[in-house]
């Protein structure tokens, strides 16, 4: 498979996985109806994990890979902090591995000194037990992925309605070839640079136009740029992914990003007609429990 075709396939899958990112939530979410046959082996795993509203009472562990796994002993980031607020509370996706939650809190406390914002707006992290989600996101399954809005946290507490209905800001021009200069600022560059430089961060995903802007604005310090990977669907937010915690043998890391700053030919491919206007691909069938690590069954049924 040539590089363009592989990138096009990747882009199509990622677009499908992030299309729900700006959907509004509900101030009065209704519980999902019970499943007629929860033991059916053909049942999509997302139907099971999407109905677990509390974490598994197990030692904290990320199990499997970022797009095929689950998380035990997840921790919720509080919905309000001095320097962060969680958005879309109705989704109940503010759960993650304790190391990721600690990183988000640590990063957010530095934000006023990094770029002058009051703090961060936190989007989806993971479900209470991780696993596949009912809507959006092919990844975010093992508690090591988090979305951070590219909209500054206001200097007041947002209402519940605002948290469910407020849309993040699109940073990219209508032609998708570059950032919108009327919206993008040096503060955004400083934020992503700081996130990529955090201990334990393996990758930062951004829209290719945002990566282009970062390449332009990075200056002489470019070591962090290699972690910033272009990905469609990330024009409203950026995605932090941390590496598997030390000693968790059941967690599968990605290979390290390629060397260099990623600002050359590989980035240019994202702006070809094939990538900007990909042919629709067939959706992948949803994962079943049999396709997840065996330990995820224990996570699913644990009290």
C-alpha atoms as a PDB file:
ATOM      1  CA  UNK A   1       0.000   0.000   0.000  1.00  0.00           C
ATOM      2  CA  UNK A   2       1.569   3.315  -1.025  1.00  0.00           C
ATOM      3  CA  UNK A   3       1.939   6.201   1.392  1.00  0.00           C
ATOM      4  CA  UNK A   4      -0.882   8.318  -0.063  1.00  0.00           C
ATOM      5  CA  UNK A   5      -3.338   5.441   0.012  1.00  0.00           C
ATOM      6  CA  UNK A   6      -2.391   4.576   3.582  1.00  0.00           C
ATOM      7  CA  UNK A   7      -2.764   8.197   4.693  1.00  0.00           C
ATOM      8  CA  UNK A   8      -6.133   8.460   2.927  1.00  0.00           C
ATOM      9  CA  UNK A   9      -7.409   5.348   4.691  1.00  0.00           C
ATOM     10  CA  UNK A  10      -6.139   6.667   7.998  1.00  0.00           C
ATOM     11  CA  UNK A  11      -7.783  10.041   7.408  1.00  0.00           C
ATOM     12  CA  UNK A  12     -11.135   8.436   6.552  1.00  0.00           C
ATOM     13  CA  UNK A  13     -11.109   6.344   9.726  1.00  0.00           C
ATOM     14  CA  UNK A  14     -10.103   9.267  11.918  1.00  0.00           C
ATOM     15  CA  UNK A  15     -12.736  11.538  10.423  1.00  0.00           C
ATOM     16  CA  UNK A  16     -15.359   8.888  11.187  1.00  0.00           C
ATOM     17  CA  UNK A  17     -14.064   8.595  14.735  1.00  0.00           C
ATOM     18  CA  UNK A  18     -14.117  12.300  15.516  1.00  0.00           C
ATOM     19  CA  UNK A  19     -17.273  13.430  13.721  1.00  0.00           C
ATOM     20  CA  UNK A  20     -19.186  13.522  17.029  1.00  0.00           C
ATOM     21  CA  UNK A  21     -16.686  15.773  18.801  1.00  0.00           C
ATOM     22  CA  UNK A  22     -18.839  18.931  18.556  1.00  0.00           C
ATOM     23  CA  UNK A  23     -22.222  17.290  19.110  1.00  0.00           C
ATOM     24  CA  UNK A  24     -24.219  18.920  21.860  1.00  0.00           C
ATOM     25  CA  UNK A  25     -24.929  17.053  25.058  1.00  0.00           C
ATOM     26  CA  UNK A  26     -27.975  17.057  27.313  1.00  0.00           C
ATOM     27  CA  UNK A  27     -28.636  18.625  30.699  1.00  0.00           C
ATOM     28  CA  UNK A  28     -31.018  15.732  31.385  1.00  0.00           C
ATOM     29  CA  UNK A  29     -29.427  12.590  29.886  1.00  0.00           C
ATOM     30  CA  UNK A  30     -31.597   9.491  29.865  1.00  0.00           C
ATOM     31  CA  UNK A  31     -30.224   6.084  30.874  1.00  0.00           C
ATOM     32  CA  UNK A  32     -29.687   3.648  28.054  1.00  0.00           C
ATOM     33  CA  UNK A  33     -32.320   0.898  27.805  1.00  0.00           C
ATOM     34  CA  UNK A  34     -31.313  -2.560  29.041  1.00  0.00           C
ATOM     35  CA  UNK A  35     -29.930  -4.965  26.471  1.00  0.00           C
ATOM     36  CA  UNK A  36     -32.171  -7.824  25.381  1.00  0.00           C
ATOM     37  CA  UNK A  37     -29.284 -10.309  25.260  1.00  0.00           C
ATOM     38  CA  UNK A  38     -26.116  -8.917  26.857  1.00  0.00           C
ATOM     39  CA  UNK A  39     -24.368 -12.307  26.589  1.00  0.00           C
ATOM     40  CA  UNK A  40     -24.688 -12.492  22.802  1.00  0.00           C
ATOM     41  CA  UNK A  41     -21.094 -12.912  21.539  1.00  0.00           C
ATOM     42  CA  UNK A  42     -21.996 -10.910  18.430  1.00  0.00           C
ATOM     43  CA  UNK A  43     -22.987  -7.880  20.499  1.00  0.00           C
ATOM     44  CA  UNK A  44     -20.813  -4.801  19.972  1.00  0.00           C
ATOM     45  CA  UNK A  45     -18.541  -4.234  22.966  1.00  0.00           C
ATOM     46  CA  UNK A  46     -19.446  -0.528  22.910  1.00  0.00           C
ATOM     47  CA  UNK A  47     -22.986  -1.439  23.980  1.00  0.00           C
ATOM     48  CA  UNK A  48     -21.603  -3.056  27.124  1.00  0.00           C
ATOM     49  CA  UNK A  49     -18.910  -0.542  28.049  1.00  0.00           C
ATOM     50  CA  UNK A  50     -21.232   2.364  27.252  1.00  0.00           C
ATOM     51  CA  UNK A  51     -23.599   1.155  29.979  1.00  0.00           C
ATOM     52  CA  UNK A  52     -21.019   1.002  32.771  1.00  0.00           C
ATOM     53  CA  UNK A  53     -21.222   4.327  34.580  1.00  0.00           C
ATOM     54  CA  UNK A  54     -18.639   3.664  37.313  1.00  0.00           C
ATOM     55  CA  UNK A  55     -15.035   2.441  37.204  1.00  0.00           C
ATOM     56  CA  UNK A  56     -13.984  -1.118  37.973  1.00  0.00           C
ATOM     57  CA  UNK A  57     -12.782  -1.508  41.571  1.00  0.00           C
ATOM     58  CA  UNK A  58      -9.430  -2.910  40.505  1.00  0.00           C
ATOM     59  CA  UNK A  59      -5.833  -1.744  40.563  1.00  0.00           C
ATOM     60  CA  UNK A  60      -5.305   1.003  37.996  1.00  0.00           C
ATOM     61  CA  UNK A  61      -4.119  -0.534  34.721  1.00  0.00           C
ATOM     62  CA  UNK A  62      -4.379   0.230  31.023  1.00  0.00           C
ATOM     63  CA  UNK A  63      -5.117  -2.974  29.135  1.00  0.00           C
ATOM     64  CA  UNK A  64      -4.574  -3.522  25.418  1.00  0.00           C
ATOM     65  CA  UNK A  65      -3.935  -0.860  22.798  1.00  0.00           C
ATOM     66  CA  UNK A  66      -5.279   2.661  22.390  1.00  0.00           C
ATOM     67  CA  UNK A  67      -8.010   1.533  19.963  1.00  0.00           C
ATOM     68  CA  UNK A  68      -8.616  -1.982  21.326  1.00  0.00           C
ATOM     69  CA  UNK A  69      -8.669  -2.248  25.081  1.00  0.00           C
ATOM     70  CA  UNK A  70     -10.053  -1.035  28.407  1.00  0.00           C
ATOM     71  CA  UNK A  71      -8.948   0.528  31.692  1.00  0.00           C
ATOM     72  CA  UNK A  72      -9.209  -0.779  35.254  1.00  0.00           C
ATOM     73  CA  UNK A  73      -9.262   1.472  38.313  1.00  0.00           C
ATOM     74  CA  UNK A  74      -9.867   4.638  36.336  1.00  0.00           C
ATOM     75  CA  UNK A  75      -9.925   8.018  38.068  1.00  0.00           C
ATOM     76  CA  UNK A  76     -12.247  10.889  37.197  1.00  0.00           C
ATOM     77  CA  UNK A  77     -10.858  14.362  36.786  1.00  0.00           C
ATOM     78  CA  UNK A  78     -13.121  16.626  38.874  1.00  0.00           C
ATOM     79  CA  UNK A  79     -15.493  18.565  36.658  1.00  0.00           C
ATOM     80  CA  UNK A  80     -14.204  21.837  38.148  1.00  0.00           C
ATOM     81  CA  UNK A  81     -10.686  22.863  39.032  1.00  0.00           C
ATOM     82  CA  UNK A  82      -9.074  26.235  39.564  1.00  0.00           C
ATOM     83  CA  UNK A  83      -7.538  26.009  36.078  1.00  0.00           C
ATOM     84  CA  UNK A  84      -9.792  23.571  34.202  1.00  0.00           C
ATOM     85  CA  UNK A  85     -13.440  22.796  33.485  1.00  0.00           C
ATOM     86  CA  UNK A  86     -14.815  19.586  31.987  1.00  0.00           C
ATOM     87  CA  UNK A  87     -17.158  19.882  29.006  1.00  0.00           C
ATOM     88  CA  UNK A  88     -20.048  17.634  27.865  1.00  0.00           C
ATOM     89  CA  UNK A  89     -20.683  16.243  31.338  1.00  0.00           C
ATOM     90  CA  UNK A  90     -23.587  14.135  30.063  1.00  0.00           C
ATOM     91  CA  UNK A  91     -21.131  11.879  28.230  1.00  0.00           C
ATOM     92  CA  UNK A  92     -19.457  10.733  31.467  1.00  0.00           C
ATOM     93  CA  UNK A  93     -16.111  10.553  29.686  1.00  0.00           C
ATOM     94  CA  UNK A  94     -13.913  12.369  32.194  1.00  0.00           C
ATOM     95  CA  UNK A  95     -12.260   9.113  33.360  1.00  0.00           C
ATOM     96  CA  UNK A  96      -8.699   8.016  32.757  1.00  0.00           C
ATOM     97  CA  UNK A  97      -5.621   6.291  34.077  1.00  0.00           C
ATOM     98  CA  UNK A  98      -4.434   8.177  37.198  1.00  0.00           C
ATOM     99  CA  UNK A  99      -1.209   9.153  35.410  1.00  0.00           C
ATOM    100  CA  UNK A 100      -3.147  10.885  32.622  1.00  0.00           C
ATOM    101  CA  UNK A 101      -5.435  12.665  35.081  1.00  0.00           C
ATOM    102  CA  UNK A 102      -2.383  13.889  37.019  1.00  0.00           C
ATOM    103  CA  UNK A 103      -0.798  15.168  33.799  1.00  0.00           C
ATOM    104  CA  UNK A 104      -3.935  17.123  32.828  1.00  0.00           C
ATOM    105  CA  UNK A 105      -4.119  18.708  36.254  1.00  0.00           C
ATOM    106  CA  UNK A 106      -0.399  19.505  36.243  1.00  0.00           C
ATOM    107  CA  UNK A 107      -0.511  21.020  32.767  1.00  0.00           C
ATOM    108  CA  UNK A 108      -3.608  23.075  33.516  1.00  0.00           C
ATOM    109  CA  UNK A 109      -2.056  24.696  36.589  1.00  0.00           C
ATOM    110  CA  UNK A 110       0.775  25.961  34.363  1.00  0.00           C
ATOM    111  CA  UNK A 111      -1.512  27.451  31.711  1.00  0.00           C
ATOM    112  CA  UNK A 112      -1.732  31.008  33.103  1.00  0.00           C
ATOM    113  CA  UNK A 113       2.062  31.264  33.012  1.00  0.00           C
ATOM    114  CA  UNK A 114       2.378  29.413  29.672  1.00  0.00           C
ATOM    115  CA  UNK A 115       0.029  31.534  27.593  1.00  0.00           C
ATOM    116  CA  UNK A 116      -2.058  33.736  29.854  1.00  0.00           C
ATOM    117  CA  UNK A 117      -5.292  31.747  29.600  1.00  0.00           C
ATOM    118  CA  UNK A 118      -7.244  31.227  32.850  1.00  0.00           C
ATOM    119  CA  UNK A 119      -7.161  27.470  32.209  1.00  0.00           C
ATOM    120  CA  UNK A 120      -8.209  24.571  29.982  1.00  0.00           C
ATOM    121  CA  UNK A 121     -11.516  23.194  28.766  1.00  0.00           C
ATOM    122  CA  UNK A 122     -11.271  19.400  28.926  1.00  0.00           C
ATOM    123  CA  UNK A 123     -13.172  17.296  26.394  1.00  0.00           C
ATOM    124  CA  UNK A 124     -13.463  13.516  26.165  1.00  0.00           C
ATOM    125  CA  UNK A 125     -10.983  11.318  28.024  1.00  0.00           C
ATOM    126  CA  UNK A 126     -12.410   7.798  28.473  1.00  0.00           C
ATOM    127  CA  UNK A 127     -15.485   6.021  29.770  1.00  0.00           C
ATOM    128  CA  UNK A 128     -15.381   4.771  33.387  1.00  0.00           C
ATOM    129  CA  UNK A 129     -14.029   1.405  32.221  1.00  0.00           C
ATOM    130  CA  UNK A 130     -12.646   2.557  28.905  1.00  0.00           C
ATOM    131  CA  UNK A 131     -13.425   0.297  25.978  1.00  0.00           C
ATOM    132  CA  UNK A 132     -15.106   1.235  22.694  1.00  0.00           C
ATOM    133  CA  UNK A 133     -17.506   4.187  22.832  1.00  0.00           C
ATOM    134  CA  UNK A 134     -21.061   4.331  21.545  1.00  0.00           C
ATOM    135  CA  UNK A 135     -20.278   7.512  19.577  1.00  0.00           C
ATOM    136  CA  UNK A 136     -17.079   8.970  18.172  1.00  0.00           C
ATOM    137  CA  UNK A 137     -13.463   7.998  18.884  1.00  0.00           C
ATOM    138  CA  UNK A 138     -11.797   4.873  17.616  1.00  0.00           C
ATOM    139  CA  UNK A 139      -9.213   5.352  20.373  1.00  0.00           C
ATOM    140  CA  UNK A 140      -9.657   6.714  23.955  1.00  0.00           C
ATOM    141  CA  UNK A 141     -10.148   3.097  25.097  1.00  0.00           C
ATOM    142  CA  UNK A 142      -7.407   2.573  27.704  1.00  0.00           C
ATOM    143  CA  UNK A 143      -7.512   5.817  29.670  1.00  0.00           C
ATOM    144  CA  UNK A 144      -4.382   7.321  28.107  1.00  0.00           C
ATOM    145  CA  UNK A 145      -5.991   9.732  25.584  1.00  0.00           C
ATOM    146  CA  UNK A 146      -7.559  13.121  26.284  1.00  0.00           C
ATOM    147  CA  UNK A 147      -9.025  15.910  24.166  1.00  0.00           C
ATOM    148  CA  UNK A 148      -8.288  19.520  25.133  1.00  0.00           C
ATOM    149  CA  UNK A 149     -10.255  22.311  23.511  1.00  0.00           C
ATOM    150  CA  UNK A 150      -8.420  25.018  21.607  1.00  0.00           C
ATOM    151  CA  UNK A 151     -10.820  27.520  23.185  1.00  0.00           C
ATOM    152  CA  UNK A 152      -9.581  29.242  26.366  1.00  0.00           C
ATOM    153  CA  UNK A 153     -11.364  28.520  29.603  1.00  0.00           C
ATOM    154  CA  UNK A 154     -13.282  31.676  30.570  1.00  0.00           C
ATOM    155  CA  UNK A 155     -12.558  33.377  33.877  1.00  0.00           C
ATOM    156  CA  UNK A 156     -15.901  32.192  35.259  1.00  0.00           C
ATOM    157  CA  UNK A 157     -17.657  28.890  35.812  1.00  0.00           C
ATOM    158  CA  UNK A 158     -19.616  27.795  32.776  1.00  0.00           C
ATOM    159  CA  UNK A 159     -23.217  26.755  33.375  1.00  0.00           C
ATOM    160  CA  UNK A 160     -24.346  23.188  32.781  1.00  0.00           C
ATOM    161  CA  UNK A 161     -26.175  24.297  29.645  1.00  0.00           C
ATOM    162  CA  UNK A 162     -23.037  25.997  28.317  1.00  0.00           C
ATOM    163  CA  UNK A 163     -20.984  22.886  28.977  1.00  0.00           C
ATOM    164  CA  UNK A 164     -23.404  20.808  26.946  1.00  0.00           C
ATOM    165  CA  UNK A 165     -24.102  23.240  24.100  1.00  0.00           C
ATOM    166  CA  UNK A 166     -21.116  25.552  23.683  1.00  0.00           C
ATOM    167  CA  UNK A 167     -19.072  24.716  20.591  1.00  0.00           C
ATOM    168  CA  UNK A 168     -15.302  24.859  20.506  1.00  0.00           C
ATOM    169  CA  UNK A 169     -13.693  27.183  17.960  1.00  0.00           C
ATOM    170  CA  UNK A 170     -12.608  25.943  14.539  1.00  0.00           C
ATOM    171  CA  UNK A 171      -8.986  26.964  14.049  1.00  0.00           C
ATOM    172  CA  UNK A 172      -8.729  26.061  10.357  1.00  0.00           C
ATOM    173  CA  UNK A 173      -9.586  27.999   7.186  1.00  0.00           C
ATOM    174  CA  UNK A 174     -12.506  26.900   5.054  1.00  0.00           C
ATOM    175  CA  UNK A 175     -10.160  25.495   2.393  1.00  0.00           C
ATOM    176  CA  UNK A 176      -8.369  23.336   5.039  1.00  0.00           C
ATOM    177  CA  UNK A 177      -4.955  24.478   3.764  1.00  0.00           C
ATOM    178  CA  UNK A 178      -3.918  26.567   6.760  1.00  0.00           C
ATOM    179  CA  UNK A 179      -5.075  27.964  10.074  1.00  0.00           C
ATOM    180  CA  UNK A 180      -7.473  30.909  10.209  1.00  0.00           C
ATOM    181  CA  UNK A 181      -5.144  33.837  11.031  1.00  0.00           C
ATOM    182  CA  UNK A 182      -8.019  35.762  12.571  1.00  0.00           C
ATOM    183  CA  UNK A 183      -8.435  33.061  15.228  1.00  0.00           C
ATOM    184  CA  UNK A 184      -5.103  31.275  15.658  1.00  0.00           C
ATOM    185  CA  UNK A 185      -2.671  32.960  18.065  1.00  0.00           C
ATOM    186  CA  UNK A 186       0.796  32.526  19.524  1.00  0.00           C
ATOM    187  CA  UNK A 187      -1.000  31.387  22.675  1.00  0.00           C
ATOM    188  CA  UNK A 188      -2.166  28.247  20.869  1.00  0.00           C
ATOM    189  CA  UNK A 189       1.390  27.483  19.791  1.00  0.00           C
ATOM    190  CA  UNK A 190       2.638  27.946  23.347  1.00  0.00           C
ATOM    191  CA  UNK A 191      -0.060  25.621  24.689  1.00  0.00           C
ATOM    192  CA  UNK A 192       0.674  22.768  22.290  1.00  0.00           C
ATOM    193  CA  UNK A 193       4.430  23.175  22.731  1.00  0.00           C
ATOM    194  CA  UNK A 194       3.985  22.871  26.512  1.00  0.00           C
ATOM    195  CA  UNK A 195       1.729  19.818  26.211  1.00  0.00           C
ATOM    196  CA  UNK A 196       4.122  18.054  23.836  1.00  0.00           C
ATOM    197  CA  UNK A 197       7.006  18.768  26.214  1.00  0.00           C
ATOM    198  CA  UNK A 198       5.248  17.204  29.216  1.00  0.00           C
ATOM    199  CA  UNK A 199       6.866  14.106  30.718  1.00  0.00           C
ATOM    200  CA  UNK A 200       5.214  10.912  29.463  1.00  0.00           C
ATOM    201  CA  UNK A 201       3.460  12.433  26.429  1.00  0.00           C
ATOM    202  CA  UNK A 202       3.903  10.133  23.433  1.00  0.00           C
ATOM    203  CA  UNK A 203       1.900  12.025  20.801  1.00  0.00           C
ATOM    204  CA  UNK A 204      -0.177  15.138  20.249  1.00  0.00           C
ATOM    205  CA  UNK A 205      -2.719  14.935  17.427  1.00  0.00           C
ATOM    206  CA  UNK A 206      -3.732  18.114  15.573  1.00  0.00           C
ATOM    207  CA  UNK A 207      -5.274  19.016  12.236  1.00  0.00           C
ATOM    208  CA  UNK A 208      -2.611  19.117   9.456  1.00  0.00           C
ATOM    209  CA  UNK A 209      -3.179  22.876   9.028  1.00  0.00           C
ATOM    210  CA  UNK A 210      -2.359  23.354  12.706  1.00  0.00           C
ATOM    211  CA  UNK A 211       0.787  21.259  12.337  1.00  0.00           C
ATOM    212  CA  UNK A 212       1.753  23.506   9.408  1.00  0.00           C
ATOM    213  CA  UNK A 213       1.341  26.583  11.608  1.00  0.00           C
ATOM    214  CA  UNK A 214       3.373  25.020  14.408  1.00  0.00           C
ATOM    215  CA  UNK A 215       6.180  24.180  11.981  1.00  0.00           C
ATOM    216  CA  UNK A 216       6.217  27.816  10.863  1.00  0.00           C
ATOM    217  CA  UNK A 217       6.167  29.258  14.364  1.00  0.00           C
ATOM    218  CA  UNK A 218       8.371  26.850  16.327  1.00  0.00           C
ATOM    219  CA  UNK A 219      11.626  28.750  15.911  1.00  0.00           C
ATOM    220  CA  UNK A 220      14.904  27.056  16.813  1.00  0.00           C
ATOM    221  CA  UNK A 221      13.464  24.757  19.510  1.00  0.00           C
ATOM    222  CA  UNK A 222      11.964  21.999  17.367  1.00  0.00           C
ATOM    223  CA  UNK A 223      12.550  18.844  19.426  1.00  0.00           C
ATOM    224  CA  UNK A 224       8.902  18.721  20.560  1.00  0.00           C
ATOM    225  CA  UNK A 225       7.480  18.976  17.030  1.00  0.00           C
ATOM    226  CA  UNK A 226       8.124  15.311  16.222  1.00  0.00           C
ATOM    227  CA  UNK A 227       5.473  14.290  18.755  1.00  0.00           C
ATOM    228  CA  UNK A 228       2.865  16.497  17.078  1.00  0.00           C
ATOM    229  CA  UNK A 229       1.168  14.317  14.465  1.00  0.00           C
ATOM    230  CA  UNK A 230      -1.213  15.580  11.740  1.00  0.00           C
ATOM    231  CA  UNK A 231      -4.673  14.049  11.861  1.00  0.00           C
ATOM    232  CA  UNK A 232      -7.994  15.177  10.402  1.00  0.00           C
ATOM    233  CA  UNK A 233     -10.867  15.919  12.754  1.00  0.00           C
ATOM    234  CA  UNK A 234      -8.721  17.848  15.234  1.00  0.00           C
ATOM    235  CA  UNK A 235      -9.418  21.416  14.142  1.00  0.00           C
ATOM    236  CA  UNK A 236     -11.414  22.302  17.296  1.00  0.00           C
ATOM    237  CA  UNK A 237      -9.252  20.542  19.848  1.00  0.00           C
ATOM    238  CA  UNK A 238      -5.946  18.763  20.235  1.00  0.00           C
ATOM    239  CA  UNK A 239      -5.500  15.224  21.495  1.00  0.00           C
ATOM    240  CA  UNK A 240      -2.947  14.266  24.144  1.00  0.00           C
ATOM    241  CA  UNK A 241      -1.763  10.641  24.239  1.00  0.00           C
ATOM    242  CA  UNK A 242       0.578   9.433  26.950  1.00  0.00           C
ATOM    243  CA  UNK A 243       2.762   6.338  26.821  1.00  0.00           C
ATOM    244  CA  UNK A 244       1.875   3.135  28.657  1.00  0.00           C
ATOM    245  CA  UNK A 245       2.689   3.504  32.352  1.00  0.00           C
ATOM    246  CA  UNK A 246       5.868   1.750  33.450  1.00  0.00           C
ATOM    247  CA  UNK A 247       5.373  -1.824  34.599  1.00  0.00           C
ATOM    248  CA  UNK A 248       1.962  -2.339  32.970  1.00  0.00           C
ATOM    249  CA  UNK A 249       2.830  -5.280  30.750  1.00  0.00           C
ATOM    250  CA  UNK A 250      -0.704  -5.633  29.402  1.00  0.00           C
ATOM    251  CA  UNK A 251      -0.594  -2.162  27.827  1.00  0.00           C
ATOM    252  CA  UNK A 252       0.603  -1.897  24.211  1.00  0.00           C
ATOM    253  CA  UNK A 253       2.488   1.243  23.202  1.00  0.00           C
ATOM    254  CA  UNK A 254       2.671   2.568  19.657  1.00  0.00           C
ATOM    255  CA  UNK A 255       6.019   2.651  17.944  1.00  0.00           C
ATOM    256  CA  UNK A 256       7.768   5.984  18.565  1.00  0.00           C
ATOM    257  CA  UNK A 257       7.035   8.736  16.002  1.00  0.00           C
ATOM    258  CA  UNK A 258       9.487   8.950  13.086  1.00  0.00           C
ATOM    259  CA  UNK A 259      12.580  11.056  13.672  1.00  0.00           C
ATOM    260  CA  UNK A 260      12.749  14.713  12.755  1.00  0.00           C
ATOM    261  CA  UNK A 261      10.215  17.494  13.181  1.00  0.00           C
ATOM    262  CA  UNK A 262       7.628  16.091  10.756  1.00  0.00           C
ATOM    263  CA  UNK A 263       7.459  19.340   8.792  1.00  0.00           C
ATOM    264  CA  UNK A 264       8.620  18.084   5.396  1.00  0.00           C
ATOM    265  CA  UNK A 265       7.252  15.824   2.682  1.00  0.00           C
ATOM    266  CA  UNK A 266       5.148  13.727   5.074  1.00  0.00           C
ATOM    267  CA  UNK A 267       3.196  16.797   6.149  1.00  0.00           C
ATOM    268  CA  UNK A 268       2.825  18.020   2.548  1.00  0.00           C
ATOM    269  CA  UNK A 269       0.998  14.797   1.636  1.00  0.00           C
ATOM    270  CA  UNK A 270      -1.893  15.813   3.872  1.00  0.00           C
ATOM    271  CA  UNK A 271      -2.666  18.721   1.532  1.00  0.00           C
ATOM    272  CA  UNK A 272      -2.978  16.696  -1.671  1.00  0.00           C
ATOM    273  CA  UNK A 273      -6.396  16.383  -3.351  1.00  0.00           C
ATOM    274  CA  UNK A 274      -6.551  12.698  -2.405  1.00  0.00           C
ATOM    275  CA  UNK A 275      -6.226  13.550   1.266  1.00  0.00           C
ATOM    276  CA  UNK A 276      -8.358  16.684   1.325  1.00  0.00           C
ATOM    277  CA  UNK A 277     -11.207  14.968  -0.533  1.00  0.00           C
ATOM    278  CA  UNK A 278     -10.963  11.238   0.299  1.00  0.00           C
ATOM    279  CA  UNK A 279     -13.398   8.750  -1.152  1.00  0.00           C
ATOM    280  CA  UNK A 280     -15.803   7.475   1.502  1.00  0.00           C
ATOM    281  CA  UNK A 281     -14.635   4.187   2.950  1.00  0.00           C
ATOM    282  CA  UNK A 282     -16.679   1.339   4.349  1.00  0.00           C
ATOM    283  CA  UNK A 283     -17.187   1.605   8.099  1.00  0.00           C
ATOM    284  CA  UNK A 284     -15.465  -1.089  10.086  1.00  0.00           C
ATOM    285  CA  UNK A 285     -17.740  -3.470  11.993  1.00  0.00           C
ATOM    286  CA  UNK A 286     -17.813  -2.666  15.720  1.00  0.00           C
ATOM    287  CA  UNK A 287     -15.501  -4.586  18.023  1.00  0.00           C
ATOM    288  CA  UNK A 288     -16.925  -7.465  20.036  1.00  0.00           C
ATOM    289  CA  UNK A 289     -15.691  -8.608  23.439  1.00  0.00           C
ATOM    290  CA  UNK A 290     -13.831 -11.474  21.778  1.00  0.00           C
ATOM    291  CA  UNK A 291     -11.714  -8.920  19.905  1.00  0.00           C
ATOM    292  CA  UNK A 292     -10.624  -7.141  23.076  1.00  0.00           C
ATOM    293  CA  UNK A 293      -7.991  -8.438  25.505  1.00  0.00           C
ATOM    294  CA  UNK A 294      -9.351 -11.235  27.667  1.00  0.00           C
ATOM    295  CA  UNK A 295      -8.766  -9.185  30.827  1.00  0.00           C
ATOM    296  CA  UNK A 296     -11.362  -6.643  29.601  1.00  0.00           C
ATOM    297  CA  UNK A 297     -14.108  -9.153  30.443  1.00  0.00           C
ATOM    298  CA  UNK A 298     -13.022  -9.014  34.066  1.00  0.00           C
ATOM    299  CA  UNK A 299     -12.950  -5.212  33.943  1.00  0.00           C
ATOM    300  CA  UNK A 300     -16.441  -5.146  32.458  1.00  0.00           C
ATOM    301  CA  UNK A 301     -18.065  -7.394  35.114  1.00  0.00           C
ATOM    302  CA  UNK A 302     -16.118  -6.240  38.203  1.00  0.00           C
ATOM    303  CA  UNK A 303     -18.068  -4.361  40.873  1.00  0.00           C
END
